[in-house]
Each structure stands twice: as C-alpha cells, then as structure tokens.
Amino acid sequence: MAPASVLTTELKVPELYDSDEAHKVLEQLTESFGAAPRGRSHILRVSIDNEAVQVPAYLMDFFTGVLEEVARGNAVTVGGIDPELTTQQAADLLKVSRPYLVKLIDTDQLPHRRVGNRRKVLLADILDYKRNDDLYRRRVLDELTREAEDLQLDY
C-alpha cells in the first residue's frame, strides 16, 4: 500500500514558481537520462545526497511525465488502482458503458471471476484488452488509409 502522502484527492494548480522549478528538474533529468534505455527491465541509478538509489525506468518515465505537466502549469493528481476492478470501474477505465463491458465478459472476450453475484475483472486483463483493441484499431485504420490512397481519395 502506498503512503498516504503519495495518493491525493486534493487538486492544486501549480504556481509559476512550481512550474519553473519543475521545468529545471525536468531539464536536469533529461540531460542525465535522456539517452538511457527504457523498458520494464531497465533500472536507472540515481544519486540523491551522494547515495545511490535504483529507480525502475517506468517510474522515472512516470515522474518525468508528472514534471512535464507541472512545468506546463497543469494540475496533477495521483491515485492508486486496485488490481481487481468492478465492472463499472473497468468500464470507466476503458471509457465504455457498463453494459458493453458486461457483454465483453459474457462473450468471453474479457476474463473475470464471480464474487457472490458480482463480477470482478483484473486490471492486467483490462490493460491487455485495451492494448489488443488499440492494435486492432490501428491495423484497421492503416488498411483503410491504404485503400483510400489506392483509390486516390483526397480527404
């Protein structure tokens, strides 16, 4: 479980000073780690007060993403997601209706388990479904684009 200080529901708009400081830190990180290989298996070594700390690359990517938003003056909020979701939470994550998500479950396109009379879906399964659906949509879009080019359609 994450410390309470990490998860926040209070939204704060960064002040100009915050944005400037975030921009400076982001520049320093980019200079130091800009060419570092990225991926789940990579570990970045960071020195904090002359003490070496190992940070998984995906966390560094997350941290730099937060810094980029603050540097732009955007508000940022961080929250945890339970590894097992209700159908409503899963539907919200996929940005679809709950009945549509239930249809995906009922047609075995999305694994689930029952807890009493409720369905529960693993976050990992939702993310896999989304990744596969995004790939499918990209392939269809690429195919339609090729067909439009072959037919010399200009739009």
N, C-alpha and C. Protein backbone atom coordinates (compact mmCIF):
# COMPACT_ATOMS: atom_id res chain seq x y z
N MET A 1 0.84 -1.19 0.00
CA MET A 1 0.00 0.00 0.00
C MET A 1 0.88 1.24 0.00
N ALA A 2 0.52 2.22 -0.78
CA ALA A 2 1.31 3.44 -0.91
C ALA A 2 1.11 4.32 0.31
N PRO A 3 2.13 5.09 0.69
CA PRO A 3 1.96 6.02 1.79
C PRO A 3 0.87 7.04 1.46
N ALA A 4 0.19 7.51 2.48
CA ALA A 4 -0.92 8.46 2.28
C ALA A 4 -0.46 9.71 1.56
N SER A 5 0.81 10.10 1.72
CA SER A 5 1.28 11.33 1.08
C SER A 5 1.38 11.20 -0.43
N VAL A 6 1.45 9.97 -0.95
CA VAL A 6 1.58 9.77 -2.39
C VAL A 6 0.22 9.90 -3.07
N LEU A 7 -0.81 9.34 -2.44
CA LEU A 7 -2.14 9.37 -3.02
C LEU A 7 -2.85 10.63 -2.55
N THR A 8 -3.40 11.36 -3.48
CA THR A 8 -4.05 12.60 -3.11
C THR A 8 -5.32 12.80 -3.91
N THR A 9 -6.31 13.34 -3.26
CA THR A 9 -7.53 13.69 -3.97
C THR A 9 -7.65 15.21 -4.08
N GLU A 10 -6.78 15.91 -3.37
CA GLU A 10 -6.80 17.37 -3.42
C GLU A 10 -6.08 17.84 -4.67
N LEU A 11 -6.75 18.64 -5.47
CA LEU A 11 -6.18 19.14 -6.71
C LEU A 11 -5.63 20.54 -6.48
N LYS A 12 -4.36 20.74 -6.83
CA LYS A 12 -3.72 22.03 -6.65
C LYS A 12 -3.14 22.46 -7.98
N VAL A 13 -3.48 23.67 -8.40
CA VAL A 13 -2.92 24.22 -9.63
C VAL A 13 -1.53 24.76 -9.29
N PRO A 14 -0.51 24.33 -10.05
CA PRO A 14 0.84 24.80 -9.75
C PRO A 14 0.97 26.31 -9.94
N GLU A 15 1.72 26.92 -9.05
CA GLU A 15 2.03 28.35 -9.19
C GLU A 15 3.20 28.48 -10.16
N LEU A 16 3.46 29.68 -10.63
CA LEU A 16 4.53 29.92 -11.59
C LEU A 16 5.86 29.39 -11.06
N TYR A 17 6.13 29.61 -9.77
CA TYR A 17 7.38 29.13 -9.17
C TYR A 17 7.47 27.61 -9.30
N ASP A 18 6.36 26.91 -9.00
CA ASP A 18 6.34 25.44 -9.10
C ASP A 18 6.64 25.01 -10.53
N SER A 19 6.04 25.68 -11.49
CA SER A 19 6.25 25.33 -12.90
C SER A 19 7.70 25.54 -13.30
N ASP A 20 8.28 26.66 -12.87
CA ASP A 20 9.68 26.93 -13.19
C ASP A 20 10.61 25.88 -12.58
N GLU A 21 10.37 25.53 -11.32
CA GLU A 21 11.20 24.53 -10.65
C GLU A 21 11.05 23.16 -11.32
N ALA A 22 9.83 22.80 -11.68
CA ALA A 22 9.59 21.52 -12.36
C ALA A 22 10.32 21.50 -13.69
N HIS A 23 10.30 22.62 -14.40
CA HIS A 23 11.00 22.71 -15.69
C HIS A 23 12.50 22.51 -15.51
N LYS A 24 13.08 23.12 -14.47
CA LYS A 24 14.52 22.97 -14.21
C LYS A 24 14.87 21.52 -13.90
N VAL A 25 14.08 20.88 -13.04
CA VAL A 25 14.34 19.49 -12.68
C VAL A 25 14.20 18.59 -13.90
N LEU A 26 13.19 18.86 -14.71
CA LEU A 26 12.96 18.08 -15.92
C LEU A 26 14.15 18.19 -16.87
N GLU A 27 14.69 19.39 -17.02
CA GLU A 27 15.87 19.58 -17.87
C GLU A 27 17.06 18.79 -17.34
N GLN A 28 17.26 18.81 -16.02
CA GLN A 28 18.37 18.07 -15.42
C GLN A 28 18.21 16.56 -15.64
N LEU A 29 16.98 16.07 -15.47
CA LEU A 29 16.73 14.64 -15.67
C LEU A 29 16.94 14.25 -17.13
N THR A 30 16.48 15.11 -18.04
CA THR A 30 16.62 14.83 -19.46
C THR A 30 18.10 14.80 -19.85
N GLU A 31 18.87 15.72 -19.31
CA GLU A 31 20.32 15.74 -19.59
C GLU A 31 20.98 14.47 -19.07
N SER A 32 20.58 14.04 -17.88
CA SER A 32 21.21 12.87 -17.26
C SER A 32 20.72 11.55 -17.83
N PHE A 33 19.42 11.46 -18.13
CA PHE A 33 18.85 10.17 -18.50
C PHE A 33 18.20 10.15 -19.87
N GLY A 34 18.33 11.22 -20.63
CA GLY A 34 17.67 11.29 -21.92
C GLY A 34 18.01 10.14 -22.85
N ALA A 35 19.25 9.68 -22.82
CA ALA A 35 19.67 8.61 -23.72
C ALA A 35 19.60 7.24 -23.06
N ALA A 36 19.13 7.18 -21.81
CA ALA A 36 19.07 5.90 -21.10
C ALA A 36 18.04 4.99 -21.73
N PRO A 37 18.33 3.70 -21.83
CA PRO A 37 17.36 2.77 -22.40
C PRO A 37 16.13 2.68 -21.52
N ARG A 38 14.97 2.56 -22.14
CA ARG A 38 13.72 2.49 -21.41
C ARG A 38 13.12 1.11 -21.53
N GLY A 39 12.36 0.73 -20.55
CA GLY A 39 11.67 -0.56 -20.55
C GLY A 39 11.53 -1.06 -19.14
N ARG A 40 10.64 -2.00 -18.94
CA ARG A 40 10.37 -2.51 -17.59
C ARG A 40 11.61 -3.14 -16.96
N SER A 41 12.49 -3.72 -17.76
CA SER A 41 13.62 -4.43 -17.21
C SER A 41 14.80 -3.52 -16.89
N HIS A 42 14.75 -2.27 -17.29
CA HIS A 42 15.87 -1.37 -17.07
C HIS A 42 15.75 -0.67 -15.72
N ILE A 43 16.90 -0.51 -15.09
CA ILE A 43 16.99 0.19 -13.81
C ILE A 43 17.89 1.40 -14.02
N LEU A 44 17.45 2.55 -13.58
CA LEU A 44 18.27 3.76 -13.64
C LEU A 44 18.88 3.98 -12.26
N ARG A 45 20.15 4.34 -12.25
CA ARG A 45 20.81 4.61 -10.98
C ARG A 45 20.86 6.12 -10.78
N VAL A 46 20.27 6.55 -9.68
CA VAL A 46 20.17 7.97 -9.38
C VAL A 46 20.91 8.24 -8.09
N SER A 47 21.57 9.37 -8.01
CA SER A 47 22.26 9.75 -6.79
C SER A 47 21.46 10.83 -6.07
N ILE A 48 21.09 10.54 -4.85
CA ILE A 48 20.37 11.51 -4.02
C ILE A 48 21.20 11.72 -2.77
N ASP A 49 21.65 12.95 -2.57
CA ASP A 49 22.54 13.28 -1.45
C ASP A 49 23.72 12.31 -1.38
N ASN A 50 24.34 12.08 -2.54
CA ASN A 50 25.51 11.21 -2.69
C ASN A 50 25.24 9.76 -2.32
N GLU A 51 23.97 9.37 -2.30
CA GLU A 51 23.63 7.97 -2.05
C GLU A 51 22.94 7.42 -3.29
N ALA A 52 23.45 6.27 -3.77
CA ALA A 52 22.90 5.67 -4.99
C ALA A 52 21.54 5.03 -4.70
N VAL A 53 20.60 5.33 -5.58
CA VAL A 53 19.26 4.77 -5.49
C VAL A 53 18.92 4.19 -6.85
N GLN A 54 18.33 2.99 -6.88
CA GLN A 54 17.92 2.39 -8.15
C GLN A 54 16.44 2.64 -8.35
N VAL A 55 16.12 3.18 -9.52
CA VAL A 55 14.74 3.51 -9.87
C VAL A 55 14.37 2.78 -11.16
N PRO A 56 13.30 1.96 -11.13
CA PRO A 56 12.88 1.33 -12.39
C PRO A 56 12.57 2.41 -13.43
N ALA A 57 12.94 2.15 -14.67
CA ALA A 57 12.80 3.14 -15.73
C ALA A 57 11.36 3.60 -15.90
N TYR A 58 10.38 2.68 -15.74
CA TYR A 58 8.99 3.09 -15.92
C TYR A 58 8.57 4.09 -14.85
N LEU A 59 9.15 4.01 -13.64
CA LEU A 59 8.84 5.02 -12.62
C LEU A 59 9.48 6.36 -12.97
N MET A 60 10.67 6.32 -13.55
CA MET A 60 11.30 7.56 -13.98
C MET A 60 10.48 8.20 -15.09
N ASP A 61 9.96 7.37 -16.01
CA ASP A 61 9.09 7.89 -17.07
C ASP A 61 7.85 8.54 -16.46
N PHE A 62 7.28 7.89 -15.44
CA PHE A 62 6.10 8.44 -14.77
C PHE A 62 6.45 9.77 -14.10
N PHE A 63 7.57 9.80 -13.40
CA PHE A 63 7.99 11.01 -12.70
C PHE A 63 8.24 12.16 -13.67
N THR A 64 8.90 11.88 -14.79
CA THR A 64 9.14 12.94 -15.77
C THR A 64 7.82 13.40 -16.39
N GLY A 65 6.86 12.49 -16.56
CA GLY A 65 5.54 12.88 -17.07
C GLY A 65 4.84 13.84 -16.12
N VAL A 66 4.94 13.58 -14.83
CA VAL A 66 4.36 14.48 -13.83
C VAL A 66 5.06 15.84 -13.89
N LEU A 67 6.39 15.82 -13.97
CA LEU A 67 7.15 17.08 -14.06
C LEU A 67 6.77 17.87 -15.30
N GLU A 68 6.58 17.19 -16.43
CA GLU A 68 6.19 17.88 -17.67
C GLU A 68 4.86 18.60 -17.48
N GLU A 69 3.90 17.93 -16.84
CA GLU A 69 2.58 18.55 -16.63
C GLU A 69 2.69 19.76 -15.71
N VAL A 70 3.45 19.63 -14.62
CA VAL A 70 3.61 20.76 -13.69
C VAL A 70 4.35 21.90 -14.38
N ALA A 71 5.35 21.58 -15.19
CA ALA A 71 6.10 22.61 -15.92
C ALA A 71 5.19 23.38 -16.86
N ARG A 72 4.16 22.72 -17.40
CA ARG A 72 3.18 23.39 -18.27
C ARG A 72 2.15 24.19 -17.48
N GLY A 73 2.20 24.05 -16.15
CA GLY A 73 1.23 24.75 -15.31
C GLY A 73 -0.04 23.95 -15.09
N ASN A 74 -0.05 22.68 -15.48
CA ASN A 74 -1.23 21.83 -15.31
C ASN A 74 -1.26 21.21 -13.92
N ALA A 75 -2.45 21.02 -13.41
CA ALA A 75 -2.62 20.33 -12.14
C ALA A 75 -2.42 18.84 -12.36
N VAL A 76 -1.90 18.15 -11.35
CA VAL A 76 -1.64 16.72 -11.43
C VAL A 76 -2.20 16.06 -10.18
N THR A 77 -2.82 14.91 -10.35
CA THR A 77 -3.27 14.13 -9.22
C THR A 77 -2.80 12.70 -9.42
N VAL A 78 -2.49 12.02 -8.34
CA VAL A 78 -2.00 10.65 -8.39
C VAL A 78 -2.91 9.80 -7.53
N GLY A 79 -3.27 8.65 -8.06
CA GLY A 79 -4.11 7.74 -7.29
C GLY A 79 -3.79 6.31 -7.64
N GLY A 80 -4.07 5.43 -6.74
CA GLY A 80 -3.83 4.02 -6.96
C GLY A 80 -5.06 3.36 -7.58
N ILE A 81 -4.83 2.25 -8.25
CA ILE A 81 -5.91 1.47 -8.83
C ILE A 81 -5.79 0.06 -8.28
N ASP A 82 -6.87 -0.42 -7.71
CA ASP A 82 -6.92 -1.77 -7.18
C ASP A 82 -6.65 -2.76 -8.32
N PRO A 83 -5.91 -3.85 -8.06
CA PRO A 83 -5.65 -4.80 -9.15
C PRO A 83 -6.89 -5.57 -9.60
N GLU A 84 -7.96 -5.53 -8.82
CA GLU A 84 -9.20 -6.19 -9.21
C GLU A 84 -10.31 -5.14 -9.20
N LEU A 85 -11.00 -5.02 -10.34
CA LEU A 85 -11.96 -3.94 -10.53
C LEU A 85 -13.39 -4.45 -10.62
N THR A 86 -14.33 -3.59 -10.26
CA THR A 86 -15.73 -3.88 -10.52
C THR A 86 -15.99 -3.65 -12.01
N THR A 87 -17.13 -4.10 -12.48
CA THR A 87 -17.43 -3.89 -13.90
C THR A 87 -17.56 -2.40 -14.21
N GLN A 88 -18.06 -1.61 -13.27
CA GLN A 88 -18.17 -0.17 -13.51
C GLN A 88 -16.80 0.48 -13.58
N GLN A 89 -15.90 0.11 -12.68
CA GLN A 89 -14.54 0.66 -12.71
C GLN A 89 -13.83 0.28 -14.01
N ALA A 90 -13.99 -0.98 -14.43
CA ALA A 90 -13.37 -1.44 -15.66
C ALA A 90 -13.94 -0.69 -16.87
N ALA A 91 -15.27 -0.51 -16.88
CA ALA A 91 -15.91 0.24 -17.97
C ALA A 91 -15.40 1.67 -18.01
N ASP A 92 -15.28 2.30 -16.85
CA ASP A 92 -14.78 3.67 -16.79
C ASP A 92 -13.35 3.74 -17.33
N LEU A 93 -12.53 2.77 -16.99
CA LEU A 93 -11.15 2.75 -17.45
C LEU A 93 -11.06 2.62 -18.97
N LEU A 94 -11.95 1.79 -19.55
CA LEU A 94 -11.98 1.61 -21.00
C LEU A 94 -12.78 2.70 -21.72
N LYS A 95 -13.46 3.53 -20.93
CA LYS A 95 -14.32 4.59 -21.49
C LYS A 95 -15.44 3.99 -22.35
N VAL A 96 -16.07 2.94 -21.79
CA VAL A 96 -17.23 2.32 -22.43
C VAL A 96 -18.33 2.22 -21.37
N SER A 97 -19.53 1.87 -21.81
CA SER A 97 -20.62 1.71 -20.86
C SER A 97 -20.46 0.40 -20.10
N ARG A 98 -21.05 0.31 -18.92
CA ARG A 98 -21.00 -0.92 -18.15
C ARG A 98 -21.70 -2.06 -18.89
N PRO A 99 -22.88 -1.82 -19.52
CA PRO A 99 -23.50 -2.92 -20.28
C PRO A 99 -22.59 -3.45 -21.40
N TYR A 100 -21.85 -2.57 -22.06
CA TYR A 100 -20.93 -3.01 -23.11
C TYR A 100 -19.84 -3.89 -22.51
N LEU A 101 -19.29 -3.48 -21.35
CA LEU A 101 -18.26 -4.28 -20.70
C LEU A 101 -18.81 -5.64 -20.29
N VAL A 102 -20.01 -5.68 -19.77
CA VAL A 102 -20.64 -6.94 -19.38
C VAL A 102 -20.80 -7.84 -20.60
N LYS A 103 -21.11 -7.24 -21.75
CA LYS A 103 -21.22 -8.01 -23.00
C LYS A 103 -19.87 -8.62 -23.36
N LEU A 104 -18.78 -7.87 -23.17
CA LEU A 104 -17.44 -8.41 -23.41
C LEU A 104 -17.16 -9.61 -22.51
N ILE A 105 -17.60 -9.51 -21.27
CA ILE A 105 -17.42 -10.60 -20.31
C ILE A 105 -18.26 -11.81 -20.73
N ASP A 106 -19.52 -11.56 -21.05
CA ASP A 106 -20.45 -12.64 -21.40
C ASP A 106 -20.06 -13.36 -22.68
N THR A 107 -19.37 -12.68 -23.58
CA THR A 107 -18.93 -13.31 -24.84
C THR A 107 -17.48 -13.81 -24.74
N ASP A 108 -16.97 -13.91 -23.52
CA ASP A 108 -15.62 -14.44 -23.23
C ASP A 108 -14.50 -13.66 -23.89
N GLN A 109 -14.72 -12.39 -24.17
CA GLN A 109 -13.64 -11.55 -24.70
C GLN A 109 -12.80 -10.95 -23.57
N LEU A 110 -13.33 -11.05 -22.36
CA LEU A 110 -12.67 -10.48 -21.19
C LEU A 110 -12.83 -11.45 -20.02
N PRO A 111 -11.72 -11.95 -19.47
CA PRO A 111 -11.83 -12.87 -18.34
C PRO A 111 -12.34 -12.16 -17.08
N HIS A 112 -12.96 -12.92 -16.21
CA HIS A 112 -13.48 -12.36 -14.96
C HIS A 112 -13.64 -13.48 -13.94
N ARG A 113 -13.99 -13.10 -12.74
CA ARG A 113 -14.37 -14.07 -11.73
C ARG A 113 -15.58 -13.53 -11.00
N ARG A 114 -16.32 -14.42 -10.39
CA ARG A 114 -17.50 -14.01 -9.64
C ARG A 114 -17.18 -13.96 -8.16
N VAL A 115 -17.65 -12.91 -7.52
CA VAL A 115 -17.58 -12.79 -6.07
C VAL A 115 -19.02 -12.57 -5.63
N GLY A 116 -19.65 -13.64 -5.16
CA GLY A 116 -21.08 -13.57 -4.88
C GLY A 116 -21.81 -13.40 -6.19
N ASN A 117 -22.64 -12.38 -6.27
CA ASN A 117 -23.34 -12.12 -7.53
C ASN A 117 -22.67 -11.01 -8.35
N ARG A 118 -21.47 -10.64 -7.98
CA ARG A 118 -20.72 -9.58 -8.67
C ARG A 118 -19.63 -10.17 -9.54
N ARG A 119 -19.32 -9.47 -10.62
CA ARG A 119 -18.20 -9.85 -11.48
C ARG A 119 -17.02 -8.96 -11.13
N LYS A 120 -15.83 -9.56 -11.11
CA LYS A 120 -14.60 -8.82 -10.87
C LYS A 120 -13.66 -9.07 -12.04
N VAL A 121 -12.97 -8.03 -12.47
CA VAL A 121 -12.06 -8.10 -13.61
C VAL A 121 -10.69 -7.62 -13.16
N LEU A 122 -9.65 -8.36 -13.55
CA LEU A 122 -8.29 -7.95 -13.19
C LEU A 122 -7.85 -6.76 -14.02
N LEU A 123 -7.19 -5.82 -13.38
CA LEU A 123 -6.66 -4.65 -14.08
C LEU A 123 -5.74 -5.08 -15.22
N ALA A 124 -4.90 -6.08 -14.98
CA ALA A 124 -3.99 -6.56 -16.02
C ALA A 124 -4.77 -7.03 -17.24
N ASP A 125 -5.91 -7.71 -17.02
CA ASP A 125 -6.72 -8.18 -18.15
C ASP A 125 -7.34 -7.01 -18.91
N ILE A 126 -7.77 -5.98 -18.18
CA ILE A 126 -8.33 -4.78 -18.82
C ILE A 126 -7.27 -4.10 -19.68
N LEU A 127 -6.07 -3.96 -19.13
CA LEU A 127 -4.98 -3.31 -19.87
C LEU A 127 -4.57 -4.13 -21.10
N ASP A 128 -4.56 -5.47 -20.97
CA ASP A 128 -4.27 -6.33 -22.12
C ASP A 128 -5.34 -6.17 -23.20
N TYR A 129 -6.60 -6.16 -22.78
CA TYR A 129 -7.70 -5.99 -23.73
C TYR A 129 -7.56 -4.66 -24.46
N LYS A 130 -7.28 -3.59 -23.70
CA LYS A 130 -7.14 -2.26 -24.30
C LYS A 130 -5.98 -2.22 -25.28
N ARG A 131 -4.86 -2.81 -24.90
CA ARG A 131 -3.69 -2.83 -25.78
C ARG A 131 -4.01 -3.57 -27.09
N ASN A 132 -4.65 -4.73 -26.98
CA ASN A 132 -5.02 -5.51 -28.17
C ASN A 132 -6.05 -4.78 -29.02
N ASP A 133 -7.02 -4.14 -28.37
CA ASP A 133 -8.04 -3.40 -29.10
C ASP A 133 -7.42 -2.20 -29.83
N ASP A 134 -6.49 -1.53 -29.16
CA ASP A 134 -5.79 -0.39 -29.80
C ASP A 134 -5.00 -0.86 -31.02
N LEU A 135 -4.33 -2.01 -30.90
CA LEU A 135 -3.57 -2.56 -32.03
C LEU A 135 -4.50 -2.91 -33.19
N TYR A 136 -5.63 -3.53 -32.87
CA TYR A 136 -6.61 -3.89 -33.90
C TYR A 136 -7.12 -2.63 -34.60
N ARG A 137 -7.47 -1.61 -33.82
CA ARG A 137 -7.97 -0.36 -34.41
C ARG A 137 -6.91 0.29 -35.30
N ARG A 138 -5.65 0.24 -34.87
CA ARG A 138 -4.56 0.82 -35.66
C ARG A 138 -4.41 0.08 -36.99
N ARG A 139 -4.49 -1.27 -36.96
CA ARG A 139 -4.38 -2.06 -38.19
C ARG A 139 -5.53 -1.73 -39.15
N VAL A 140 -6.74 -1.63 -38.62
CA VAL A 140 -7.90 -1.30 -39.46
C VAL A 140 -7.74 0.09 -40.06
N LEU A 141 -7.30 1.05 -39.26
CA LEU A 141 -7.08 2.40 -39.76
C LEU A 141 -6.02 2.42 -40.85
N ASP A 142 -4.93 1.68 -40.63
CA ASP A 142 -3.87 1.61 -41.65
C ASP A 142 -4.40 1.00 -42.95
N GLU A 143 -5.22 -0.03 -42.82
CA GLU A 143 -5.80 -0.67 -44.00
C GLU A 143 -6.73 0.28 -44.75
N LEU A 144 -7.56 1.00 -44.01
CA LEU A 144 -8.46 1.97 -44.65
C LEU A 144 -7.68 3.09 -45.32
N THR A 145 -6.60 3.51 -44.70
CA THR A 145 -5.76 4.56 -45.28
C THR A 145 -5.14 4.07 -46.59
N ARG A 146 -4.63 2.82 -46.59
CA ARG A 146 -4.06 2.26 -47.83
C ARG A 146 -5.10 2.18 -48.93
N GLU A 147 -6.31 1.74 -48.57
CA GLU A 147 -7.38 1.65 -49.57
C GLU A 147 -7.73 3.03 -50.13
N ALA A 148 -7.80 4.03 -49.27
CA ALA A 148 -8.11 5.39 -49.72
C ALA A 148 -7.01 5.90 -50.65
N GLU A 149 -5.75 5.60 -50.33
CA GLU A 149 -4.64 6.01 -51.19
C GLU A 149 -4.69 5.29 -52.53
N ASP A 150 -5.01 3.99 -52.50
CA ASP A 150 -5.11 3.21 -53.75
C ASP A 150 -6.21 3.76 -54.64
N LEU A 151 -7.30 4.21 -54.02
CA LEU A 151 -8.42 4.76 -54.78
C LEU A 151 -8.24 6.25 -55.07
N GLN A 152 -7.12 6.79 -54.63
CA GLN A 152 -6.77 8.20 -54.82
C GLN A 152 -7.86 9.13 -54.29
N LEU A 153 -8.36 8.78 -53.11
CA LEU A 153 -9.36 9.63 -52.46
C LEU A 153 -8.62 10.71 -51.67
N ASP A 154 -9.01 11.93 -51.85
CA ASP A 154 -8.37 13.04 -51.13
C ASP A 154 -9.33 13.54 -50.07
N TYR A 155 -8.98 13.26 -48.84
CA TYR A 155 -9.70 13.90 -47.73
C TYR A 155 -8.83 14.11 -46.57
